[in-house]
Amino acid sequence: MESFWLQGMQAGHKNTLDCIKAFSETNFTEDLAKFDVPTLIIHGDDDQIVPIGSAGLRSAELVRDAALKVYAGAPHGLTDTHKDQLSADLLEFIRT
């Protein structure tokens, strides 16, 4: 939690608001449907920032032959809270 607080304190307020506006108002549906490379989608089922139903699960439906890994209890910041599992899953994916 302290790491995310620190990151937030280093970001400019306008930049942060612009980022939130961009990711909340941009529809990537058509782009995701065009993916033609192996794709791994990883999402935590306790993400309170970007809910899994509208992001991870939906993306897995749209990206042809995508592999989906759901981390039980993982939050939005799973790159920090689940970094060992994430690293192992990424290595496994690129090796296959």
C-alpha atoms as a PDB file:
ATOM      1  CA  MET A   1       0.000   0.000   0.000  1.00  0.00           C
ATOM      2  CA  GLU A   2       2.851   2.362   0.797  1.00  0.00           C
ATOM      3  CA  SER A   3       4.406   1.703  -2.612  1.00  0.00           C
ATOM      4  CA  PHE A   4       1.197   2.674  -4.398  1.00  0.00           C
ATOM      5  CA  TRP A   5       0.866   5.771  -2.222  1.00  0.00           C
ATOM      6  CA  LEU A   6       4.411   6.772  -3.167  1.00  0.00           C
ATOM      7  CA  GLN A   7       3.703   6.261  -6.861  1.00  0.00           C
ATOM      8  CA  GLY A   8       0.576   8.376  -6.561  1.00  0.00           C
ATOM      9  CA  MET A   9       2.475  11.164  -4.826  1.00  0.00           C
ATOM     10  CA  GLN A  10       5.035  11.233  -7.650  1.00  0.00           C
ATOM     11  CA  ALA A  11       2.423  11.577 -10.388  1.00  0.00           C
ATOM     12  CA  GLY A  12       1.133  14.927 -11.551  1.00  0.00           C
ATOM     13  CA  HIS A  13      -2.520  15.543 -10.725  1.00  0.00           C
ATOM     14  CA  LYS A  14      -3.504  16.439 -14.289  1.00  0.00           C
ATOM     15  CA  ASN A  15      -1.618  13.426 -15.678  1.00  0.00           C
ATOM     16  CA  THR A  16      -3.371  11.125 -13.236  1.00  0.00           C
ATOM     17  CA  LEU A  17      -6.810  12.495 -14.113  1.00  0.00           C
ATOM     18  CA  ASP A  18      -6.054  12.299 -17.848  1.00  0.00           C
ATOM     19  CA  CYS A  19      -4.988   8.661 -17.437  1.00  0.00           C
ATOM     20  CA  ILE A  20      -8.179   7.752 -15.591  1.00  0.00           C
ATOM     21  CA  LYS A  21     -10.270   9.541 -18.212  1.00  0.00           C
ATOM     22  CA  ALA A  22      -8.478   7.754 -21.062  1.00  0.00           C
ATOM     23  CA  PHE A  23      -8.742   4.219 -19.701  1.00  0.00           C
ATOM     24  CA  SER A  24     -12.318   4.645 -18.506  1.00  0.00           C
ATOM     25  CA  GLU A  25     -13.674   6.190 -21.714  1.00  0.00           C
ATOM     26  CA  THR A  26     -11.730   4.344 -24.431  1.00  0.00           C
ATOM     27  CA  ASN A  27     -13.339   1.278 -25.985  1.00  0.00           C
ATOM     28  CA  PHE A  28     -10.711  -1.260 -27.091  1.00  0.00           C
ATOM     29  CA  THR A  29     -13.213  -3.918 -28.213  1.00  0.00           C
ATOM     30  CA  GLU A  30     -12.367  -3.713 -31.907  1.00  0.00           C
ATOM     31  CA  ASP A  31      -8.621  -3.705 -31.207  1.00  0.00           C
ATOM     32  CA  LEU A  32      -8.804  -6.784 -28.981  1.00  0.00           C
ATOM     33  CA  ALA A  33     -10.734  -8.700 -31.613  1.00  0.00           C
ATOM     34  CA  LYS A  34      -7.847  -8.148 -34.051  1.00  0.00           C
ATOM     35  CA  PHE A  35      -5.161  -9.801 -31.890  1.00  0.00           C
ATOM     36  CA  ASP A  36      -3.502 -12.643 -33.771  1.00  0.00           C
ATOM     37  CA  VAL A  37      -0.608 -13.477 -31.467  1.00  0.00           C
ATOM     38  CA  PRO A  38      -0.482 -15.647 -28.335  1.00  0.00           C
ATOM     39  CA  THR A  39      -1.944 -13.562 -25.529  1.00  0.00           C
ATOM     40  CA  LEU A  40      -1.931 -14.073 -21.768  1.00  0.00           C
ATOM     41  CA  ILE A  41      -4.498 -12.161 -19.752  1.00  0.00           C
ATOM     42  CA  ILE A  42      -3.935 -12.016 -15.993  1.00  0.00           C
ATOM     43  CA  HIS A  43      -6.441 -10.403 -13.670  1.00  0.00           C
ATOM     44  CA  GLY A  44      -7.124 -10.454  -9.945  1.00  0.00           C
ATOM     45  CA  ASP A  45     -10.649 -11.325  -8.890  1.00  0.00           C
ATOM     46  CA  ASP A  46     -10.547  -8.684  -6.132  1.00  0.00           C
ATOM     47  CA  ASP A  47      -9.538  -5.765  -8.360  1.00  0.00           C
ATOM     48  CA  GLN A  48     -11.514  -2.800  -7.046  1.00  0.00           C
ATOM     49  CA  ILE A  49     -10.160  -0.393  -9.678  1.00  0.00           C
ATOM     50  CA  VAL A  50     -10.817  -2.339 -12.885  1.00  0.00           C
ATOM     51  CA  PRO A  51     -13.393  -5.076 -12.180  1.00  0.00           C
ATOM     52  CA  ILE A  52     -12.566  -8.476 -13.629  1.00  0.00           C
ATOM     53  CA  GLY A  53     -15.949  -8.902 -15.301  1.00  0.00           C
ATOM     54  CA  SER A  54     -15.668  -5.817 -17.463  1.00  0.00           C
ATOM     55  CA  ALA A  55     -11.951  -6.163 -18.180  1.00  0.00           C
ATOM     56  CA  GLY A  56     -10.165  -9.498 -17.755  1.00  0.00           C
ATOM     57  CA  LEU A  57     -13.077 -11.815 -18.496  1.00  0.00           C
ATOM     58  CA  ARG A  58     -14.364  -9.675 -21.346  1.00  0.00           C
ATOM     59  CA  SER A  59     -10.886  -9.384 -22.873  1.00  0.00           C
ATOM     60  CA  ALA A  60     -10.470 -13.157 -22.740  1.00  0.00           C
ATOM     61  CA  GLU A  61     -13.706 -13.492 -24.718  1.00  0.00           C
ATOM     62  CA  LEU A  62     -12.590 -10.997 -27.350  1.00  0.00           C
ATOM     63  CA  VAL A  63      -8.985 -12.100 -27.919  1.00  0.00           C
ATOM     64  CA  ARG A  64      -8.940 -15.239 -30.028  1.00  0.00           C
ATOM     65  CA  ASP A  65      -7.359 -18.198 -28.192  1.00  0.00           C
ATOM     66  CA  ALA A  66      -6.260 -16.046 -25.261  1.00  0.00           C
ATOM     67  CA  ALA A  67      -5.043 -17.738 -22.093  1.00  0.00           C
ATOM     68  CA  LEU A  68      -6.695 -16.344 -18.962  1.00  0.00           C
ATOM     69  CA  LYS A  69      -5.256 -16.626 -15.464  1.00  0.00           C
ATOM     70  CA  VAL A  70      -7.347 -15.362 -12.584  1.00  0.00           C
ATOM     71  CA  TYR A  71      -5.532 -14.746  -9.314  1.00  0.00           C
ATOM     72  CA  ALA A  72      -7.835 -15.447  -6.388  1.00  0.00           C
ATOM     73  CA  GLY A  73      -7.950 -12.520  -3.991  1.00  0.00           C
ATOM     74  CA  ALA A  74      -5.558 -10.437  -6.061  1.00  0.00           C
ATOM     75  CA  PRO A  75      -6.074  -6.668  -6.182  1.00  0.00           C
ATOM     76  CA  HIS A  76      -5.404  -4.145  -8.930  1.00  0.00           C
ATOM     77  CA  GLY A  77      -1.763  -3.983  -7.858  1.00  0.00           C
ATOM     78  CA  LEU A  78      -1.074  -7.686  -8.352  1.00  0.00           C
ATOM     79  CA  THR A  79       2.235  -6.842 -10.020  1.00  0.00           C
ATOM     80  CA  ASP A  80       3.421  -6.039  -6.496  1.00  0.00           C
ATOM     81  CA  THR A  81       1.279  -8.263  -4.272  1.00  0.00           C
ATOM     82  CA  HIS A  82       1.631 -11.387  -6.443  1.00  0.00           C
ATOM     83  CA  LYS A  83       4.936 -10.675  -8.187  1.00  0.00           C
ATOM     84  CA  ASP A  84       6.398 -14.159  -7.681  1.00  0.00           C
ATOM     85  CA  GLN A  85       3.321 -15.879  -9.112  1.00  0.00           C
ATOM     86  CA  LEU A  86       3.161 -13.337 -11.937  1.00  0.00           C
ATOM     87  CA  SER A  87       6.819 -13.866 -12.844  1.00  0.00           C
ATOM     88  CA  ALA A  88       6.389 -17.643 -12.870  1.00  0.00           C
ATOM     89  CA  ASP A  89       3.258 -17.419 -15.030  1.00  0.00           C
ATOM     90  CA  LEU A  90       4.905 -15.038 -17.498  1.00  0.00           C
ATOM     91  CA  LEU A  91       7.955 -17.288 -17.838  1.00  0.00           C
ATOM     92  CA  GLU A  92       5.748 -20.336 -18.341  1.00  0.00           C
ATOM     93  CA  PHE A  93       3.730 -18.511 -20.997  1.00  0.00           C
ATOM     94  CA  ILE A  94       6.713 -17.329 -23.039  1.00  0.00           C
ATOM     95  CA  ARG A  95       8.314 -20.771 -22.880  1.00  0.00           C
ATOM     96  CA  THR A  96       5.274 -22.472 -24.457  1.00  0.00           C
END
